[in-house]
Protein backbone atom coordinates (compact mmCIF):
# COMPACT_ATOMS: atom_id res chain seq x y z
CA UNK A 1 -140.72 145.91 -110.89
CA UNK A 2 -137.96 145.36 -108.34
CA UNK A 3 -137.98 149.06 -107.49
CA UNK A 4 -141.73 148.82 -106.83
CA UNK A 5 -140.99 145.97 -104.41
CA UNK A 6 -138.39 148.05 -102.58
CA UNK A 7 -140.70 151.05 -102.39
CA UNK A 8 -143.56 148.86 -101.16
CA UNK A 9 -141.31 147.38 -98.50
CA UNK A 10 -140.23 150.84 -97.42
CA UNK A 11 -143.83 152.04 -97.21
CA UNK A 12 -144.79 148.97 -95.20
CA UNK A 13 -141.91 149.61 -92.80
CA UNK A 14 -143.06 153.17 -92.22
CA UNK A 15 -146.64 152.04 -91.61
CA UNK A 16 -145.48 149.41 -89.13
CA UNK A 17 -143.30 151.92 -87.33
CA UNK A 18 -146.16 154.36 -87.04
CA UNK A 19 -148.59 151.70 -85.83
CA UNK A 20 -145.98 150.52 -83.32
CA UNK A 21 -145.87 154.04 -81.90
CA UNK A 22 -149.64 154.13 -81.59
CA UNK A 23 -149.68 150.80 -79.78
CA UNK A 24 -146.94 151.84 -77.38
CA UNK A 25 -148.73 155.08 -76.55
CA UNK A 26 -152.06 153.36 -75.88
CA UNK A 27 -151.03 151.40 -72.77
CA UNK A 28 -153.58 153.42 -70.78
CA UNK A 29 -156.32 153.16 -73.39
CA UNK A 30 -159.54 151.57 -72.16
CA UNK A 31 -158.68 151.69 -68.45
CA UNK A 32 -161.37 152.77 -66.00
CA UNK A 33 -160.86 155.73 -63.68
CA UNK A 34 -159.93 153.41 -60.79
CA UNK A 35 -157.42 151.49 -62.97
CA UNK A 36 -155.82 154.61 -64.45
CA UNK A 37 -152.54 154.85 -62.53
CA UNK A 38 -148.78 154.91 -63.06
CA UNK A 39 -147.77 156.59 -66.30
CA UNK A 40 -151.41 157.47 -67.03
CA UNK A 41 -153.73 160.33 -66.23
CA UNK A 42 -157.53 160.55 -66.12
CA UNK A 43 -159.26 163.12 -68.33
CA UNK A 44 -162.72 164.06 -67.00
CA UNK A 45 -165.68 164.18 -69.36
CA UNK A 46 -166.29 167.46 -71.20
CA UNK A 47 -168.31 169.10 -73.97
CA UNK A 48 -166.72 170.21 -77.22
CA UNK A 49 -167.38 173.57 -78.89
CA UNK A 50 -169.92 171.83 -81.11
CA UNK A 51 -171.80 170.54 -78.07
CA UNK A 52 -170.74 166.91 -78.31
CA UNK A 53 -170.11 165.20 -74.98
CA UNK A 54 -166.81 163.36 -74.59
CA UNK A 55 -166.76 160.73 -71.85
CA UNK A 56 -163.88 160.62 -69.39
CA UNK A 57 -160.90 158.49 -70.39
CA UNK A 58 -157.46 157.38 -69.31
CA UNK A 59 -154.45 158.50 -71.34
CA UNK A 60 -150.66 158.43 -71.21
CA UNK A 61 -149.17 161.31 -69.26
CA UNK A 62 -147.69 163.93 -71.59
CA UNK A 63 -143.94 163.57 -72.01
CA UNK A 64 -143.74 160.08 -70.48
CA UNK A 65 -144.02 156.92 -72.59
CA UNK A 66 -144.89 158.88 -75.72
CA UNK A 67 -141.36 160.23 -76.13
CA UNK A 68 -139.72 156.85 -75.63
CA UNK A 69 -142.14 155.13 -77.96
CA UNK A 70 -141.77 157.81 -80.62
CA UNK A 71 -138.00 157.61 -80.38
CA UNK A 72 -138.06 153.82 -80.67
CA UNK A 73 -140.38 154.06 -83.65
CA UNK A 74 -138.12 156.59 -85.36
CA UNK A 75 -135.11 154.33 -84.80
CA UNK A 76 -136.98 151.33 -86.19
CA UNK A 77 -138.17 153.36 -89.21
CA UNK A 78 -134.62 154.56 -89.80
CA UNK A 79 -133.33 150.98 -89.77
CA UNK A 80 -136.06 149.87 -92.15
CA UNK A 81 -135.26 152.76 -94.47
CA UNK A 82 -131.56 151.88 -94.35
CA UNK A 83 -132.30 148.24 -95.19
CA UNK A 84 -134.54 149.31 -98.05
CA UNK A 85 -131.81 151.63 -99.37
CA UNK A 86 -129.28 148.80 -99.24
CA UNK A 87 -131.67 146.50 -101.12
CA UNK A 88 -132.34 149.22 -103.68
CA UNK A 89 -128.61 149.73 -104.26
CA UNK A 90 -128.08 145.98 -104.58
CA UNK A 91 -130.88 145.77 -107.15
CA UNK A 92 -129.40 148.68 -109.10
CA UNK A 93 -126.00 146.98 -109.12
CA UNK A 94 -127.57 143.70 -110.24
CA UNK A 95 -129.45 145.46 -113.05
CA UNK A 96 -126.27 147.23 -114.10
CA UNK A 97 -124.38 143.93 -114.28
CA UNK A 98 -127.20 142.29 -116.25
CA UNK A 99 -127.23 145.21 -118.71
CA UNK A 100 -123.47 144.99 -119.10
CA UNK A 101 -123.70 141.25 -119.69
CA UNK A 102 -126.39 141.72 -122.37
CA UNK A 103 -124.26 144.36 -124.10
CA UNK A 104 -121.30 141.99 -124.15
CA UNK A 105 -123.44 139.19 -125.58
CA UNK A 106 -124.81 141.54 -128.25
CA UNK A 107 -121.28 142.23 -129.52
């Protein structure tokens, strides 16, 4: 059960790291053409191959904030993973001690 908790915590950390990246990269999201400025670029409306019309939108310039945000998210995910590994090892050690104690009591 404790391992499930560790794995759940690890999964949650990864999800949070990914969502943090998405939030950091969406600083330009929802801006109008006149508001789309520094660090952002305007994409004009266009039609897809299937004929669907896509309205114009503001987005982060390629290679700008996206790299920094992705790097920060990777660092955060790495730290979360490290913490989860440490907790997992501590739980293993605790279980090992408890097993040893039970064996001694059984004798």
